[in-house]
Amino acid sequence: MTPNVVDLPDDSADIIVMGQLHHELDDPAPLMIECKRLLKPGGVVAIIDWADADNGKSPAVGRRVPVSRMQEQLEGAGFTKIETHDVYAYHTFMTAKA
C-alpha cells in the first residue's frame, strides 16, 4: 500500500471523517489532496481533532494544529465552504466541501 493513496476510484465517497488523526500527520497535504480526489463533488470532509488551546485535556502537547492552519491545508487541497463548528469543549470540529 502506498501512503496517502486509497485504492478507490475518484468521486467515490459522500463523506470522509477524520477523527483524532490530523495532529499525527507530519505532512497533511497529500492526505488532504487524496480526500478531495475520493469525494464526490459537494462531498464533505469532517475533521475532529484536539483544539489548539492548552486546556490540560489533550495528550497531543506540541502537536495540536491551529484552526487557521487546518483551514489553509484544506484550501490548498481545493476544498471550499470550510466551516468550524463550536460543539466540543476540547476539540475542533471542521467541515469542508469538495
C-alpha atoms as a PDB file:
ATOM      1  CA  MET A   1       0.000   0.000   0.000  1.00  0.00           C
ATOM      2  CA  THR A   2       1.227   3.457  -0.878  1.00  0.00           C
ATOM      3  CA  PRO A   3       0.945   6.046   1.914  1.00  0.00           C
ATOM      4  CA  ASN A   4      -1.845   8.580   1.338  1.00  0.00           C
ATOM      5  CA  VAL A   5      -3.282   6.588  -1.577  1.00  0.00           C
ATOM      6  CA  VAL A   6      -6.611   4.798  -1.138  1.00  0.00           C
ATOM      7  CA  ASP A   7      -7.439   2.097  -3.673  1.00  0.00           C
ATOM      8  CA  LEU A   8     -10.828   3.548  -4.622  1.00  0.00           C
ATOM      9  CA  PRO A   9     -11.893   5.417  -7.749  1.00  0.00           C
ATOM     10  CA  ASP A  10     -12.211   9.191  -7.943  1.00  0.00           C
ATOM     11  CA  ASP A  11     -15.502  10.682  -6.708  1.00  0.00           C
ATOM     12  CA  SER A  12     -16.470   7.559  -4.763  1.00  0.00           C
ATOM     13  CA  ALA A  13     -17.319   8.933  -1.298  1.00  0.00           C
ATOM     14  CA  ASP A  14     -20.020  11.237   0.021  1.00  0.00           C
ATOM     15  CA  ILE A  15     -18.256  11.916   3.324  1.00  0.00           C
ATOM     16  CA  ILE A  16     -14.862  11.269   4.875  1.00  0.00           C
ATOM     17  CA  VAL A  17     -14.454  11.559   8.644  1.00  0.00           C
ATOM     18  CA  MET A  18     -11.022  12.011  10.196  1.00  0.00           C
ATOM     19  CA  GLY A  19     -11.150  11.619  13.965  1.00  0.00           C
ATOM     20  CA  GLN A  20      -8.115  12.332  16.137  1.00  0.00           C
ATOM     21  CA  LEU A  21      -5.815  11.901  13.135  1.00  0.00           C
ATOM     22  CA  HIS A  22      -4.806  15.330  11.904  1.00  0.00           C
ATOM     23  CA  HIS A  23      -2.367  16.111  14.727  1.00  0.00           C
ATOM     24  CA  GLU A  24      -0.496  12.860  13.988  1.00  0.00           C
ATOM     25  CA  LEU A  25       0.292  13.788  10.370  1.00  0.00           C
ATOM     26  CA  ASP A  26       3.789  15.079   9.638  1.00  0.00           C
ATOM     27  CA  ASP A  27       2.596  16.437   6.279  1.00  0.00           C
ATOM     28  CA  PRO A  28      -1.203  16.571   5.929  1.00  0.00           C
ATOM     29  CA  ALA A  29      -1.156  17.950   2.358  1.00  0.00           C
ATOM     30  CA  PRO A  30      -1.014  14.593   0.495  1.00  0.00           C
ATOM     31  CA  LEU A  31      -3.858  13.172   2.589  1.00  0.00           C
ATOM     32  CA  MET A  32      -5.998  16.297   2.099  1.00  0.00           C
ATOM     33  CA  ILE A  33      -5.459  16.018  -1.670  1.00  0.00           C
ATOM     34  CA  GLU A  34      -6.381  12.322  -1.568  1.00  0.00           C
ATOM     35  CA  CYS A  35      -9.566  13.094   0.392  1.00  0.00           C
ATOM     36  CA  LYS A  36     -10.517  15.679  -2.242  1.00  0.00           C
ATOM     37  CA  ARG A  37      -9.945  13.101  -5.003  1.00  0.00           C
ATOM     38  CA  LEU A  38     -12.085  10.493  -3.269  1.00  0.00           C
ATOM     39  CA  LEU A  39     -15.032  12.782  -2.537  1.00  0.00           C
ATOM     40  CA  LYS A  40     -17.869  13.279  -4.975  1.00  0.00           C
ATOM     41  CA  PRO A  41     -18.463  16.912  -5.983  1.00  0.00           C
ATOM     42  CA  GLY A  42     -20.126  18.527  -2.976  1.00  0.00           C
ATOM     43  CA  GLY A  43     -18.953  15.712  -0.695  1.00  0.00           C
ATOM     44  CA  VAL A  44     -17.816  16.600   2.809  1.00  0.00           C
ATOM     45  CA  VAL A  45     -14.642  16.004   4.762  1.00  0.00           C
ATOM     46  CA  ALA A  46     -15.108  16.269   8.533  1.00  0.00           C
ATOM     47  CA  ILE A  47     -12.110  16.698  10.819  1.00  0.00           C
ATOM     48  CA  ILE A  48     -12.382  16.234  14.572  1.00  0.00           C
ATOM     49  CA  ASP A  49      -9.157  16.757  16.467  1.00  0.00           C
ATOM     50  CA  TRP A  50      -7.737  18.263  19.636  1.00  0.00           C
ATOM     51  CA  ALA A  51      -8.294  22.004  19.946  1.00  0.00           C
ATOM     52  CA  ASP A  52      -5.142  24.079  19.767  1.00  0.00           C
ATOM     53  CA  ALA A  53      -5.776  25.712  23.146  1.00  0.00           C
ATOM     54  CA  ASP A  54      -3.749  24.371  26.058  1.00  0.00           C
ATOM     55  CA  ASN A  55      -6.705  23.093  28.070  1.00  0.00           C
ATOM     56  CA  GLY A  56      -4.916  20.430  30.093  1.00  0.00           C
ATOM     57  CA  LYS A  57      -7.036  17.697  28.475  1.00  0.00           C
ATOM     58  CA  SER A  58      -5.142  16.971  25.263  1.00  0.00           C
ATOM     59  CA  PRO A  59      -2.336  14.426  25.278  1.00  0.00           C
ATOM     60  CA  ALA A  60      -1.185  15.870  21.937  1.00  0.00           C
ATOM     61  CA  VAL A  61       1.054  18.501  23.519  1.00  0.00           C
ATOM     62  CA  GLY A  62       3.197  20.138  20.861  1.00  0.00           C
ATOM     63  CA  ARG A  63       1.274  18.517  18.006  1.00  0.00           C
ATOM     64  CA  ARG A  64      -2.081  20.322  18.069  1.00  0.00           C
ATOM     65  CA  VAL A  65      -2.931  22.087  14.820  1.00  0.00           C
ATOM     66  CA  PRO A  66      -4.395  25.612  14.904  1.00  0.00           C
ATOM     67  CA  VAL A  67      -7.721  26.088  13.113  1.00  0.00           C
ATOM     68  CA  SER A  68      -6.127  28.632  10.772  1.00  0.00           C
ATOM     69  CA  ARG A  69      -3.513  26.074   9.687  1.00  0.00           C
ATOM     70  CA  MET A  70      -6.117  23.350   9.080  1.00  0.00           C
ATOM     71  CA  GLN A  71      -8.122  25.848   7.015  1.00  0.00           C
ATOM     72  CA  GLU A  72      -5.038  26.690   4.920  1.00  0.00           C
ATOM     73  CA  GLN A  73      -4.388  22.984   4.335  1.00  0.00           C
ATOM     74  CA  LEU A  74      -7.965  22.370   3.209  1.00  0.00           C
ATOM     75  CA  GLU A  75      -7.930  25.412   0.922  1.00  0.00           C
ATOM     76  CA  GLY A  76      -4.616  24.244  -0.518  1.00  0.00           C
ATOM     77  CA  ALA A  77      -6.198  20.909  -1.438  1.00  0.00           C
ATOM     78  CA  GLY A  78      -9.079  22.681  -3.209  1.00  0.00           C
ATOM     79  CA  PHE A  79     -11.807  22.424  -0.574  1.00  0.00           C
ATOM     80  CA  THR A  80     -14.452  25.146  -0.245  1.00  0.00           C
ATOM     81  CA  LYS A  81     -17.115  26.170   2.265  1.00  0.00           C
ATOM     82  CA  ILE A  82     -14.777  25.479   5.168  1.00  0.00           C
ATOM     83  CA  GLU A  83     -16.590  25.808   8.482  1.00  0.00           C
ATOM     84  CA  THR A  84     -15.659  25.376  12.120  1.00  0.00           C
ATOM     85  CA  HIS A  85     -18.435  24.101  14.380  1.00  0.00           C
ATOM     86  CA  ASP A  86     -18.384  25.016  18.060  1.00  0.00           C
ATOM     87  CA  VAL A  87     -19.739  21.776  19.529  1.00  0.00           C
ATOM     88  CA  TYR A  88     -16.881  20.318  21.563  1.00  0.00           C
ATOM     89  CA  ALA A  89     -15.128  21.807  24.591  1.00  0.00           C
ATOM     90  CA  TYR A  90     -11.716  20.259  23.911  1.00  0.00           C
ATOM     91  CA  HIS A  91     -11.824  19.508  20.195  1.00  0.00           C
ATOM     92  CA  THR A  92     -12.003  21.310  16.881  1.00  0.00           C
ATOM     93  CA  PHE A  93     -14.751  20.143  14.507  1.00  0.00           C
ATOM     94  CA  MET A  94     -14.261  21.398  10.971  1.00  0.00           C
ATOM     95  CA  THR A  95     -16.059  20.545   7.727  1.00  0.00           C
ATOM     96  CA  ALA A  96     -15.298  21.411   4.113  1.00  0.00           C
ATOM     97  CA  LYS A  97     -16.839  20.640   0.726  1.00  0.00           C
ATOM     98  CA  ALA A  98     -15.127  19.065  -2.247  1.00  0.00           C
END
